[in-house]
mmCIF file of all heavy atoms, coordinates in Angstrom:
data_MODEL
# 
_entry.id   MODEL 
# 
loop_
_atom_site.group_PDB 
_atom_site.id 
_atom_site.type_symbol 
_atom_site.label_atom_id 
_atom_site.label_alt_id 
_atom_site.label_comp_id 
_atom_site.label_asym_id 
_atom_site.label_entity_id 
_atom_site.label_seq_id 
_atom_site.pdbx_PDB_ins_code 
_atom_site.Cartn_x 
_atom_site.Cartn_y 
_atom_site.Cartn_z 
_atom_site.occupancy 
_atom_site.B_iso_or_equiv 
_atom_site.pdbx_formal_charge 
_atom_site.auth_seq_id 
_atom_site.auth_comp_id 
_atom_site.auth_asym_id 
_atom_site.auth_atom_id 
_atom_site.pdbx_PDB_model_num 
ATOM 1   N N   . LEU A 1 1  ? 1.986   -5.595  10.411  1.00 0.00 ? 1  LEU A N   1 
ATOM 2   C CA  . LEU A 1 1  ? 2.276   -4.859  11.641  1.00 0.00 ? 1  LEU A CA  1 
ATOM 3   C C   . LEU A 1 1  ? 3.650   -4.212  11.532  1.00 0.00 ? 1  LEU A C   1 
ATOM 4   O O   . LEU A 1 1  ? 4.606   -4.852  11.106  1.00 0.00 ? 1  LEU A O   1 
ATOM 5   C CB  . LEU A 1 1  ? 2.235   -5.802  12.841  1.00 0.00 ? 1  LEU A CB  1 
ATOM 6   C CG  . LEU A 1 1  ? 0.891   -6.487  13.067  1.00 0.00 ? 1  LEU A CG  1 
ATOM 7   C CD1 . LEU A 1 1  ? 0.984   -7.457  14.223  1.00 0.00 ? 1  LEU A CD1 1 
ATOM 8   C CD2 . LEU A 1 1  ? -0.214  -5.475  13.300  1.00 0.00 ? 1  LEU A CD2 1 
ATOM 9   N N   . LEU A 1 2  ? 3.733   -2.945  11.909  1.00 0.00 ? 2  LEU A N   1 
ATOM 10  C CA  . LEU A 1 2  ? 4.991   -2.193  11.834  1.00 0.00 ? 2  LEU A CA  1 
ATOM 11  C C   . LEU A 1 2  ? 5.477   -1.924  13.252  1.00 0.00 ? 2  LEU A C   1 
ATOM 12  O O   . LEU A 1 2  ? 4.715   -1.475  14.090  1.00 0.00 ? 2  LEU A O   1 
ATOM 13  C CB  . LEU A 1 2  ? 4.770   -0.868  11.114  1.00 0.00 ? 2  LEU A CB  1 
ATOM 14  C CG  . LEU A 1 2  ? 4.213   -0.991  9.698   1.00 0.00 ? 2  LEU A CG  1 
ATOM 15  C CD1 . LEU A 1 2  ? 3.843   0.387   9.172   1.00 0.00 ? 2  LEU A CD1 1 
ATOM 16  C CD2 . LEU A 1 2  ? 5.216   -1.661  8.780   1.00 0.00 ? 2  LEU A CD2 1 
ATOM 17  N N   . THR A 1 3  ? 6.758   -2.187  13.498  1.00 0.00 ? 3  THR A N   1 
ATOM 18  C CA  . THR A 1 3  ? 7.260   -2.024  14.860  1.00 0.00 ? 3  THR A CA  1 
ATOM 19  C C   . THR A 1 3  ? 8.353   -0.970  14.988  1.00 0.00 ? 3  THR A C   1 
ATOM 20  O O   . THR A 1 3  ? 8.527   -0.405  16.049  1.00 0.00 ? 3  THR A O   1 
ATOM 21  C CB  . THR A 1 3  ? 7.818   -3.360  15.379  1.00 0.00 ? 3  THR A CB  1 
ATOM 22  O OG1 . THR A 1 3  ? 8.772   -3.851  14.449  1.00 0.00 ? 3  THR A OG1 1 
ATOM 23  C CG2 . THR A 1 3  ? 6.719   -4.383  15.555  1.00 0.00 ? 3  THR A CG2 1 
ATOM 24  N N   . ASP A 1 4  ? 9.093   -0.689  13.943  1.00 0.00 ? 4  ASP A N   1 
ATOM 25  C CA  . ASP A 1 4  ? 10.297  0.134   14.103  1.00 0.00 ? 4  ASP A CA  1 
ATOM 26  C C   . ASP A 1 4  ? 10.236  1.506   13.435  1.00 0.00 ? 4  ASP A C   1 
ATOM 27  O O   . ASP A 1 4  ? 11.264  2.095   13.161  1.00 0.00 ? 4  ASP A O   1 
ATOM 28  C CB  . ASP A 1 4  ? 11.510  -0.614  13.536  1.00 0.00 ? 4  ASP A CB  1 
ATOM 29  C CG  . ASP A 1 4  ? 11.736  -1.937  14.256  1.00 0.00 ? 4  ASP A CG  1 
ATOM 30  O OD1 . ASP A 1 4  ? 11.380  -2.012  15.445  1.00 0.00 ? 4  ASP A OD1 1 
ATOM 31  O OD2 . ASP A 1 4  ? 12.238  -2.878  13.631  1.00 0.00 ? 4  ASP A OD2 1 
ATOM 32  N N   . LEU A 1 5  ? 9.054   2.022   13.151  1.00 0.00 ? 5  LEU A N   1 
ATOM 33  C CA  . LEU A 1 5  ? 8.996   3.326   12.500  1.00 0.00 ? 5  LEU A CA  1 
ATOM 34  C C   . LEU A 1 5  ? 9.318   4.429   13.498  1.00 0.00 ? 5  LEU A C   1 
ATOM 35  O O   . LEU A 1 5  ? 8.862   4.409   14.626  1.00 0.00 ? 5  LEU A O   1 
ATOM 36  C CB  . LEU A 1 5  ? 7.607   3.572   11.899  1.00 0.00 ? 5  LEU A CB  1 
ATOM 37  C CG  . LEU A 1 5  ? 7.173   2.631   10.775  1.00 0.00 ? 5  LEU A CG  1 
ATOM 38  C CD1 . LEU A 1 5  ? 5.934   3.183   10.100  1.00 0.00 ? 5  LEU A CD1 1 
ATOM 39  C CD2 . LEU A 1 5  ? 8.263   2.410   9.754   1.00 0.00 ? 5  LEU A CD2 1 
ATOM 40  N N   . LYS A 1 6  ? 10.121  5.379   13.046  1.00 0.00 ? 6  LYS A N   1 
ATOM 41  C CA  . LYS A 1 6  ? 10.526  6.482   13.919  1.00 0.00 ? 6  LYS A CA  1 
ATOM 42  C C   . LYS A 1 6  ? 9.484   7.605   13.838  1.00 0.00 ? 6  LYS A C   1 
ATOM 43  O O   . LYS A 1 6  ? 9.024   7.944   12.760  1.00 0.00 ? 6  LYS A O   1 
ATOM 44  C CB  . LYS A 1 6  ? 11.884  7.020   13.480  1.00 0.00 ? 6  LYS A CB  1 
ATOM 45  C CG  . LYS A 1 6  ? 13.009  6.034   13.686  1.00 0.00 ? 6  LYS A CG  1 
ATOM 46  C CD  . LYS A 1 6  ? 14.334  6.648   13.239  1.00 0.00 ? 6  LYS A CD  1 
ATOM 47  C CE  . LYS A 1 6  ? 15.496  5.721   13.493  1.00 0.00 ? 6  LYS A CE  1 
ATOM 48  N NZ  . LYS A 1 6  ? 15.413  4.450   12.805  1.00 0.00 ? 6  LYS A NZ  1 
ATOM 49  N N   . PRO A 1 7  ? 9.153   8.211   15.006  1.00 0.00 ? 7  PRO A N   1 
ATOM 50  C CA  . PRO A 1 7  ? 8.243   9.359   14.970  1.00 0.00 ? 7  PRO A CA  1 
ATOM 51  C C   . PRO A 1 7  ? 8.886   10.538  14.241  1.00 0.00 ? 7  PRO A C   1 
ATOM 52  O O   . PRO A 1 7  ? 10.097  10.615  14.130  1.00 0.00 ? 7  PRO A O   1 
ATOM 53  C CB  . PRO A 1 7  ? 8.012   9.698   16.444  1.00 0.00 ? 7  PRO A CB  1 
ATOM 54  C CG  . PRO A 1 7  ? 8.738   8.683   17.242  1.00 0.00 ? 7  PRO A CG  1 
ATOM 55  C CD  . PRO A 1 7  ? 9.565   7.842   16.327  1.00 0.00 ? 7  PRO A CD  1 
ATOM 56  N N   . ARG A 1 8  ? 8.042   11.425  13.745  1.00 0.00 ? 8  ARG A N   1 
ATOM 57  C CA  . ARG A 1 8  ? 8.480   12.634  13.050  1.00 0.00 ? 8  ARG A CA  1 
ATOM 58  C C   . ARG A 1 8  ? 9.421   12.335  11.890  1.00 0.00 ? 8  ARG A C   1 
ATOM 59  O O   . ARG A 1 8  ? 10.450  12.976  11.728  1.00 0.00 ? 8  ARG A O   1 
ATOM 60  C CB  . ARG A 1 8  ? 9.155   13.607  14.019  1.00 0.00 ? 8  ARG A CB  1 
ATOM 61  C CG  . ARG A 1 8  ? 8.227   14.216  15.042  1.00 0.00 ? 8  ARG A CG  1 
ATOM 62  C CD  . ARG A 1 8  ? 8.944   15.284  15.836  1.00 0.00 ? 8  ARG A CD  1 
ATOM 63  N NE  . ARG A 1 8  ? 8.276   16.036  16.842  1.00 0.00 ? 8  ARG A NE  1 
ATOM 64  C CZ  . ARG A 1 8  ? 7.238   15.730  17.593  1.00 0.00 ? 8  ARG A CZ  1 
ATOM 65  N NH1 . ARG A 1 8  ? 6.625   14.621  17.427  1.00 0.00 ? 8  ARG A NH1 1 
ATOM 66  N NH2 . ARG A 1 8  ? 6.763   16.526  18.514  1.00 0.00 ? 8  ARG A NH2 1 
ATOM 67  N N   . SER A 1 9  ? 9.058   11.352  11.092  1.00 0.00 ? 9  SER A N   1 
ATOM 68  C CA  . SER A 1 9  ? 9.857   11.059  9.897   1.00 0.00 ? 9  SER A CA  1 
ATOM 69  C C   . SER A 1 9  ? 8.920   10.636  8.777   1.00 0.00 ? 9  SER A C   1 
ATOM 70  O O   . SER A 1 9  ? 7.733   10.403  8.988   1.00 0.00 ? 9  SER A O   1 
ATOM 71  C CB  . SER A 1 9  ? 10.893  9.968   10.197  1.00 0.00 ? 9  SER A CB  1 
ATOM 72  O OG  . SER A 1 9  ? 10.269  8.842   10.756  1.00 0.00 ? 9  SER A OG  1 
ATOM 73  N N   . SER A 1 10 ? 9.456   10.540  7.573   1.00 0.00 ? 10 SER A N   1 
ATOM 74  C CA  . SER A 1 10 ? 8.622   10.168  6.434   1.00 0.00 ? 10 SER A CA  1 
ATOM 75  C C   . SER A 1 10 ? 9.121   8.863   5.832   1.00 0.00 ? 10 SER A C   1 
ATOM 76  O O   . SER A 1 10 ? 10.298  8.521   5.932   1.00 0.00 ? 10 SER A O   1 
ATOM 77  C CB  . SER A 1 10 ? 8.630   11.279  5.389   1.00 0.00 ? 10 SER A CB  1 
ATOM 78  O OG  . SER A 1 10 ? 9.935   11.517  4.946   1.00 0.00 ? 10 SER A OG  1 
ATOM 79  N N   . TYR A 1 11 ? 8.195   8.144   5.220   1.00 0.00 ? 11 TYR A N   1 
ATOM 80  C CA  . TYR A 1 11 ? 8.478   6.861   4.584   1.00 0.00 ? 11 TYR A CA  1 
ATOM 81  C C   . TYR A 1 11 ? 7.767   6.812   3.244   1.00 0.00 ? 11 TYR A C   1 
ATOM 82  O O   . TYR A 1 11 ? 6.760   7.494   3.033   1.00 0.00 ? 11 TYR A O   1 
ATOM 83  C CB  . TYR A 1 11 ? 7.968   5.705   5.454   1.00 0.00 ? 11 TYR A CB  1 
ATOM 84  C CG  . TYR A 1 11 ? 8.743   5.553   6.735   1.00 0.00 ? 11 TYR A CG  1 
ATOM 85  C CD1 . TYR A 1 11 ? 8.405   6.278   7.862   1.00 0.00 ? 11 TYR A CD1 1 
ATOM 86  C CD2 . TYR A 1 11 ? 9.836   4.699   6.811   1.00 0.00 ? 11 TYR A CD2 1 
ATOM 87  C CE1 . TYR A 1 11 ? 9.119   6.160   9.043   1.00 0.00 ? 11 TYR A CE1 1 
ATOM 88  C CE2 . TYR A 1 11 ? 10.555  4.569   7.987   1.00 0.00 ? 11 TYR A CE2 1 
ATOM 89  C CZ  . TYR A 1 11 ? 10.194  5.302   9.092   1.00 0.00 ? 11 TYR A CZ  1 
ATOM 90  O OH  . TYR A 1 11 ? 10.915  5.180   10.240  1.00 0.00 ? 11 TYR A OH  1 
ATOM 91  N N   . CYS A 1 12 ? 8.279   5.974   2.369   1.00 0.00 ? 12 CYS A N   1 
ATOM 92  C CA  . CYS A 1 12 ? 7.640   5.743   1.083   1.00 0.00 ? 12 CYS A CA  1 
ATOM 93  C C   . CYS A 1 12 ? 7.197   4.283   1.021   1.00 0.00 ? 12 CYS A C   1 
ATOM 94  O O   . CYS A 1 12 ? 8.014   3.377   1.177   1.00 0.00 ? 12 CYS A O   1 
ATOM 95  C CB  . CYS A 1 12 ? 8.599   6.045   -0.061  1.00 0.00 ? 12 CYS A CB  1 
ATOM 96  S SG  . CYS A 1 12 ? 7.850   5.739   -1.682  1.00 0.00 ? 12 CYS A SG  1 
ATOM 97  N N   . LEU A 1 13 ? 5.909   4.076   0.811   1.00 0.00 ? 13 LEU A N   1 
ATOM 98  C CA  . LEU A 1 13 ? 5.351   2.744   0.591   1.00 0.00 ? 13 LEU A CA  1 
ATOM 99  C C   . LEU A 1 13 ? 5.199   2.566   -0.915  1.00 0.00 ? 13 LEU A C   1 
ATOM 100 O O   . LEU A 1 13 ? 4.517   3.354   -1.562  1.00 0.00 ? 13 LEU A O   1 
ATOM 101 C CB  . LEU A 1 13 ? 3.992   2.613   1.276   1.00 0.00 ? 13 LEU A CB  1 
ATOM 102 C CG  . LEU A 1 13 ? 3.216   1.325   0.992   1.00 0.00 ? 13 LEU A CG  1 
ATOM 103 C CD1 . LEU A 1 13 ? 3.934   0.124   1.604   1.00 0.00 ? 13 LEU A CD1 1 
ATOM 104 C CD2 . LEU A 1 13 ? 1.789   1.430   1.521   1.00 0.00 ? 13 LEU A CD2 1 
ATOM 105 N N   . MET A 1 14 ? 5.891   1.563   -1.464  1.00 0.00 ? 14 MET A N   1 
ATOM 106 C CA  . MET A 1 14 ? 5.782   1.254   -2.893  1.00 0.00 ? 14 MET A CA  1 
ATOM 107 C C   . MET A 1 14 ? 5.334   -0.196  -3.042  1.00 0.00 ? 14 MET A C   1 
ATOM 108 O O   . MET A 1 14 ? 5.742   -1.048  -2.259  1.00 0.00 ? 14 MET A O   1 
ATOM 109 C CB  . MET A 1 14 ? 7.118   1.462   -3.605  1.00 0.00 ? 14 MET A CB  1 
ATOM 110 C CG  . MET A 1 14 ? 7.535   2.906   -3.688  1.00 0.00 ? 14 MET A CG  1 
ATOM 111 S SD  . MET A 1 14 ? 9.095   3.149   -4.575  1.00 0.00 ? 14 MET A SD  1 
ATOM 112 C CE  . MET A 1 14 ? 10.264  2.649   -3.343  1.00 0.00 ? 14 MET A CE  1 
ATOM 113 N N   . PHE A 1 15 ? 4.508   -0.455  -4.041  1.00 0.00 ? 15 PHE A N   1 
ATOM 114 C CA  . PHE A 1 15 ? 4.010   -1.810  -4.249  1.00 0.00 ? 15 PHE A CA  1 
ATOM 115 C C   . PHE A 1 15 ? 3.564   -1.969  -5.693  1.00 0.00 ? 15 PHE A C   1 
ATOM 116 O O   . PHE A 1 15 ? 3.250   -1.001  -6.374  1.00 0.00 ? 15 PHE A O   1 
ATOM 117 C CB  . PHE A 1 15 ? 2.844   -2.118  -3.297  1.00 0.00 ? 15 PHE A CB  1 
ATOM 118 C CG  . PHE A 1 15 ? 1.720   -1.113  -3.353  1.00 0.00 ? 15 PHE A CG  1 
ATOM 119 C CD1 . PHE A 1 15 ? 0.609   -1.321  -4.164  1.00 0.00 ? 15 PHE A CD1 1 
ATOM 120 C CD2 . PHE A 1 15 ? 1.778   0.042   -2.589  1.00 0.00 ? 15 PHE A CD2 1 
ATOM 121 C CE1 . PHE A 1 15 ? -0.412  -0.384  -4.222  1.00 0.00 ? 15 PHE A CE1 1 
ATOM 122 C CE2 . PHE A 1 15 ? 0.756   0.980   -2.639  1.00 0.00 ? 15 PHE A CE2 1 
ATOM 123 C CZ  . PHE A 1 15 ? -0.345  0.762   -3.454  1.00 0.00 ? 15 PHE A CZ  1 
ATOM 124 N N   . SER A 1 16 ? 3.575   -3.207  -6.162  1.00 0.00 ? 16 SER A N   1 
ATOM 125 C CA  . SER A 1 16 ? 3.021   -3.536  -7.472  1.00 0.00 ? 16 SER A CA  1 
ATOM 126 C C   . SER A 1 16 ? 1.595   -3.999  -7.249  1.00 0.00 ? 16 SER A C   1 
ATOM 127 O O   . SER A 1 16 ? 1.298   -4.675  -6.262  1.00 0.00 ? 16 SER A O   1 
ATOM 128 C CB  . SER A 1 16 ? 3.810   -4.666  -8.127  1.00 0.00 ? 16 SER A CB  1 
ATOM 129 O OG  . SER A 1 16 ? 5.149   -4.286  -8.317  1.00 0.00 ? 16 SER A OG  1 
ATOM 130 N N   . TYR A 1 17 ? 0.717   -3.616  -8.161  1.00 0.00 ? 17 TYR A N   1 
ATOM 131 C CA  . TYR A 1 17 ? -0.669  -4.065  -8.046  1.00 0.00 ? 17 TYR A CA  1 
ATOM 132 C C   . TYR A 1 17 ? -1.241  -4.318  -9.433  1.00 0.00 ? 17 TYR A C   1 
ATOM 133 O O   . TYR A 1 17 ? -0.760  -3.789  -10.430 1.00 0.00 ? 17 TYR A O   1 
ATOM 134 C CB  . TYR A 1 17 ? -1.529  -3.056  -7.277  1.00 0.00 ? 17 TYR A CB  1 
ATOM 135 C CG  . TYR A 1 17 ? -1.810  -1.785  -8.046  1.00 0.00 ? 17 TYR A CG  1 
ATOM 136 C CD1 . TYR A 1 17 ? -2.978  -1.644  -8.805  1.00 0.00 ? 17 TYR A CD1 1 
ATOM 137 C CD2 . TYR A 1 17 ? -0.917  -0.722  -8.035  1.00 0.00 ? 17 TYR A CD2 1 
ATOM 138 C CE1 . TYR A 1 17 ? -3.235  -0.487  -9.516  1.00 0.00 ? 17 TYR A CE1 1 
ATOM 139 C CE2 . TYR A 1 17 ? -1.157  0.433   -8.743  1.00 0.00 ? 17 TYR A CE2 1 
ATOM 140 C CZ  . TYR A 1 17 ? -2.326  0.548   -9.482  1.00 0.00 ? 17 TYR A CZ  1 
ATOM 141 O OH  . TYR A 1 17 ? -2.570  1.689   -10.195 1.00 0.00 ? 17 TYR A OH  1 
ATOM 142 N N   . ARG A 1 18 ? -2.279  -5.150  -9.454  1.00 0.00 ? 18 ARG A N   1 
ATOM 143 C CA  . ARG A 1 18 ? -2.962  -5.445  -10.710 1.00 0.00 ? 18 ARG A CA  1 
ATOM 144 C C   . ARG A 1 18 ? -4.439  -5.591  -10.410 1.00 0.00 ? 18 ARG A C   1 
ATOM 145 O O   . ARG A 1 18 ? -4.825  -6.313  -9.490  1.00 0.00 ? 18 ARG A O   1 
ATOM 146 C CB  . ARG A 1 18 ? -2.416  -6.728  -11.318 1.00 0.00 ? 18 ARG A CB  1 
ATOM 147 C CG  . ARG A 1 18 ? -3.011  -7.051  -12.663 1.00 0.00 ? 18 ARG A CG  1 
ATOM 148 C CD  . ARG A 1 18 ? -2.262  -8.178  -13.289 1.00 0.00 ? 18 ARG A CD  1 
ATOM 149 N NE  . ARG A 1 18 ? -2.793  -9.437  -12.810 1.00 0.00 ? 18 ARG A NE  1 
ATOM 150 C CZ  . ARG A 1 18 ? -2.814  -10.547 -13.531 1.00 0.00 ? 18 ARG A CZ  1 
ATOM 151 N NH1 . ARG A 1 18 ? -2.286  -10.566 -14.728 1.00 0.00 ? 18 ARG A NH1 1 
ATOM 152 N NH2 . ARG A 1 18 ? -3.321  -11.643 -13.039 1.00 0.00 ? 18 ARG A NH2 1 
ATOM 153 N N   . ILE A 1 19 ? -5.256  -4.867  -11.155 1.00 0.00 ? 19 ILE A N   1 
ATOM 154 C CA  . ILE A 1 19 ? -6.710  -5.002  -11.067 1.00 0.00 ? 19 ILE A CA  1 
ATOM 155 C C   . ILE A 1 19 ? -7.151  -5.465  -12.446 1.00 0.00 ? 19 ILE A C   1 
ATOM 156 O O   . ILE A 1 19 ? -7.211  -4.672  -13.374 1.00 0.00 ? 19 ILE A O   1 
ATOM 157 C CB  . ILE A 1 19 ? -7.370  -3.669  -10.654 1.00 0.00 ? 19 ILE A CB  1 
ATOM 158 C CG1 . ILE A 1 19 ? -6.829  -3.240  -9.295  1.00 0.00 ? 19 ILE A CG1 1 
ATOM 159 C CG2 . ILE A 1 19 ? -8.886  -3.809  -10.633 1.00 0.00 ? 19 ILE A CG2 1 
ATOM 160 C CD1 . ILE A 1 19 ? -7.287  -1.877  -8.832  1.00 0.00 ? 19 ILE A CD1 1 
ATOM 161 N N   . ALA A 1 20 ? -7.366  -6.766  -12.569 1.00 0.00 ? 20 ALA A N   1 
ATOM 162 C CA  . ALA A 1 20 ? -7.648  -7.366  -13.870 1.00 0.00 ? 20 ALA A CA  1 
ATOM 163 C C   . ALA A 1 20 ? -9.086  -7.861  -13.911 1.00 0.00 ? 20 ALA A C   1 
ATOM 164 O O   . ALA A 1 20 ? -9.515  -8.586  -13.014 1.00 0.00 ? 20 ALA A O   1 
ATOM 165 C CB  . ALA A 1 20 ? -6.690  -8.529  -14.118 1.00 0.00 ? 20 ALA A CB  1 
ATOM 166 N N   . GLY A 1 21 ? -9.817  -7.479  -14.940 1.00 0.00 ? 21 GLY A N   1 
ATOM 167 C CA  . GLY A 1 21 ? -11.187 -7.938  -15.097 1.00 0.00 ? 21 GLY A CA  1 
ATOM 168 C C   . GLY A 1 21 ? -12.178 -6.788  -15.039 1.00 0.00 ? 21 GLY A C   1 
ATOM 169 O O   . GLY A 1 21 ? -11.905 -5.731  -14.482 1.00 0.00 ? 21 GLY A O   1 
ATOM 170 N N   . GLU A 1 22 ? -13.324 -7.016  -15.618 1.00 0.00 ? 22 GLU A N   1 
ATOM 171 C CA  . GLU A 1 22 ? -14.392 -6.015  -15.681 1.00 0.00 ? 22 GLU A CA  1 
ATOM 172 C C   . GLU A 1 22 ? -15.117 -5.944  -14.332 1.00 0.00 ? 22 GLU A C   1 
ATOM 173 O O   . GLU A 1 22 ? -15.576 -6.962  -13.828 1.00 0.00 ? 22 GLU A O   1 
ATOM 174 C CB  . GLU A 1 22 ? -15.373 -6.426  -16.791 1.00 0.00 ? 22 GLU A CB  1 
ATOM 175 C CG  . GLU A 1 22 ? -16.352 -5.356  -17.189 1.00 0.00 ? 22 GLU A CG  1 
ATOM 176 C CD  . GLU A 1 22 ? -15.709 -4.174  -17.889 1.00 0.00 ? 22 GLU A CD  1 
ATOM 177 O OE1 . GLU A 1 22 ? -14.658 -4.356  -18.538 1.00 0.00 ? 22 GLU A OE1 1 
ATOM 178 O OE2 . GLU A 1 22 ? -16.261 -3.075  -17.784 1.00 0.00 ? 22 GLU A OE2 1 
ATOM 179 N N   . ARG A 1 23 ? -15.205 -4.758  -13.744 1.00 0.00 ? 23 ARG A N   1 
ATOM 180 C CA  . ARG A 1 23 ? -15.918 -4.529  -12.475 1.00 0.00 ? 23 ARG A CA  1 
ATOM 181 C C   . ARG A 1 23 ? -15.514 -5.514  -11.377 1.00 0.00 ? 23 ARG A C   1 
ATOM 182 O O   . ARG A 1 23 ? -16.342 -6.038  -10.643 1.00 0.00 ? 23 ARG A O   1 
ATOM 183 C CB  . ARG A 1 23 ? -17.435 -4.596  -12.707 1.00 0.00 ? 23 ARG A CB  1 
ATOM 184 C CG  . ARG A 1 23 ? -17.944 -3.531  -13.653 1.00 0.00 ? 23 ARG A CG  1 
ATOM 185 C CD  . ARG A 1 23 ? -19.441 -3.441  -13.648 1.00 0.00 ? 23 ARG A CD  1 
ATOM 186 N NE  . ARG A 1 23 ? -20.076 -4.712  -13.892 1.00 0.00 ? 23 ARG A NE  1 
ATOM 187 C CZ  . ARG A 1 23 ? -20.697 -5.075  -15.011 1.00 0.00 ? 23 ARG A CZ  1 
ATOM 188 N NH1 . ARG A 1 23 ? -20.774 -4.234  -16.002 1.00 0.00 ? 23 ARG A NH1 1 
ATOM 189 N NH2 . ARG A 1 23 ? -21.250 -6.259  -15.130 1.00 0.00 ? 23 ARG A NH2 1 
ATOM 190 N N   . VAL A 1 24 ? -14.201 -5.767  -11.281 1.00 0.00 ? 24 VAL A N   1 
ATOM 191 C CA  . VAL A 1 24 ? -13.704 -6.772  -10.325 1.00 0.00 ? 24 VAL A CA  1 
ATOM 192 C C   . VAL A 1 24 ? -13.742 -6.267  -8.881  1.00 0.00 ? 24 VAL A C   1 
ATOM 193 O O   . VAL A 1 24 ? -13.882 -7.048  -7.954  1.00 0.00 ? 24 VAL A O   1 
ATOM 194 C CB  . VAL A 1 24 ? -12.302 -7.261  -10.743 1.00 0.00 ? 24 VAL A CB  1 
ATOM 195 C CG1 . VAL A 1 24 ? -11.261 -6.203  -10.485 1.00 0.00 ? 24 VAL A CG1 1 
ATOM 196 C CG2 . VAL A 1 24 ? -11.931 -8.540  -10.056 1.00 0.00 ? 24 VAL A CG2 1 
ATOM 197 N N   . GLY A 1 25 ? -13.638 -4.963  -8.686  1.00 0.00 ? 25 GLY A N   1 
ATOM 198 C CA  . GLY A 1 25 ? -13.695 -4.428  -7.322  1.00 0.00 ? 25 GLY A CA  1 
ATOM 199 C C   . GLY A 1 25 ? -12.712 -3.301  -7.101  1.00 0.00 ? 25 GLY A C   1 
ATOM 200 O O   . GLY A 1 25 ? -12.246 -2.668  -8.047  1.00 0.00 ? 25 GLY A O   1 
ATOM 201 N N   . LYS A 1 26 ? -12.379 -3.058  -5.826  1.00 0.00 ? 26 LYS A N   1 
ATOM 202 C CA  . LYS A 1 26 ? -11.490 -1.958  -5.453  1.00 0.00 ? 26 LYS A CA  1 
ATOM 203 C C   . LYS A 1 26 ? -10.345 -2.487  -4.607  1.00 0.00 ? 26 LYS A C   1 
ATOM 204 O O   . LYS A 1 26 ? -10.505 -3.444  -3.852  1.00 0.00 ? 26 LYS A O   1 
ATOM 205 C CB  . LYS A 1 26 ? -12.240 -0.920  -4.614  1.00 0.00 ? 26 LYS A CB  1 
ATOM 206 C CG  . LYS A 1 26 ? -13.296 -0.173  -5.362  1.00 0.00 ? 26 LYS A CG  1 
ATOM 207 C CD  . LYS A 1 26 ? -13.976 0.837   -4.473  1.00 0.00 ? 26 LYS A CD  1 
ATOM 208 C CE  . LYS A 1 26 ? -15.064 1.544   -5.274  1.00 0.00 ? 26 LYS A CE  1 
ATOM 209 N NZ  . LYS A 1 26 ? -15.938 2.341   -4.432  1.00 0.00 ? 26 LYS A NZ  1 
ATOM 210 N N   . LEU A 1 27 ? -9.205  -1.816  -4.726  1.00 0.00 ? 27 LEU A N   1 
ATOM 211 C CA  . LEU A 1 27 ? -8.054  -2.072  -3.875  1.00 0.00 ? 27 LEU A CA  1 
ATOM 212 C C   . LEU A 1 27 ? -7.780  -0.790  -3.099  1.00 0.00 ? 27 LEU A C   1 
ATOM 213 O O   . LEU A 1 27 ? -7.702  0.287   -3.692  1.00 0.00 ? 27 LEU A O   1 
ATOM 214 C CB  . LEU A 1 27 ? -6.834  -2.458  -4.713  1.00 0.00 ? 27 LEU A CB  1 
ATOM 215 C CG  . LEU A 1 27 ? -5.529  -2.650  -3.946  1.00 0.00 ? 27 LEU A CG  1 
ATOM 216 C CD1 . LEU A 1 27 ? -5.633  -3.807  -2.955  1.00 0.00 ? 27 LEU A CD1 1 
ATOM 217 C CD2 . LEU A 1 27 ? -4.383  -2.907  -4.921  1.00 0.00 ? 27 LEU A CD2 1 
ATOM 218 N N   . ARG A 1 28 ? -7.662  -0.917  -1.772  1.00 0.00 ? 28 ARG A N   1 
ATOM 219 C CA  . ARG A 1 28 ? -7.399  0.248   -0.931  1.00 0.00 ? 28 ARG A CA  1 
ATOM 220 C C   . ARG A 1 28 ? -6.230  -0.044  -0.002  1.00 0.00 ? 28 ARG A C   1 
ATOM 221 O O   . ARG A 1 28 ? -5.982  -1.200  0.344   1.00 0.00 ? 28 ARG A O   1 
ATOM 222 C CB  . ARG A 1 28 ? -8.613  0.564   -0.060  1.00 0.00 ? 28 ARG A CB  1 
ATOM 223 C CG  . ARG A 1 28 ? -9.843  0.935   -0.816  1.00 0.00 ? 28 ARG A CG  1 
ATOM 224 C CD  . ARG A 1 28 ? -10.957 1.311   0.172   1.00 0.00 ? 28 ARG A CD  1 
ATOM 225 N NE  . ARG A 1 28 ? -12.201 1.513   -0.514  1.00 0.00 ? 28 ARG A NE  1 
ATOM 226 C CZ  . ARG A 1 28 ? -13.186 0.610   -0.564  1.00 0.00 ? 28 ARG A CZ  1 
ATOM 227 N NH1 . ARG A 1 28 ? -13.070 -0.535  0.066   1.00 0.00 ? 28 ARG A NH1 1 
ATOM 228 N NH2 . ARG A 1 28 ? -14.289 0.871   -1.215  1.00 0.00 ? 28 ARG A NH2 1 
# 
């Protein structure tokens, strides 16, 4: 949940992710 984002502005969401394994699925 995000509480303090300012309207009319931009943000960058950065994250590390790993999808390991054959046909393991999707990350969204």
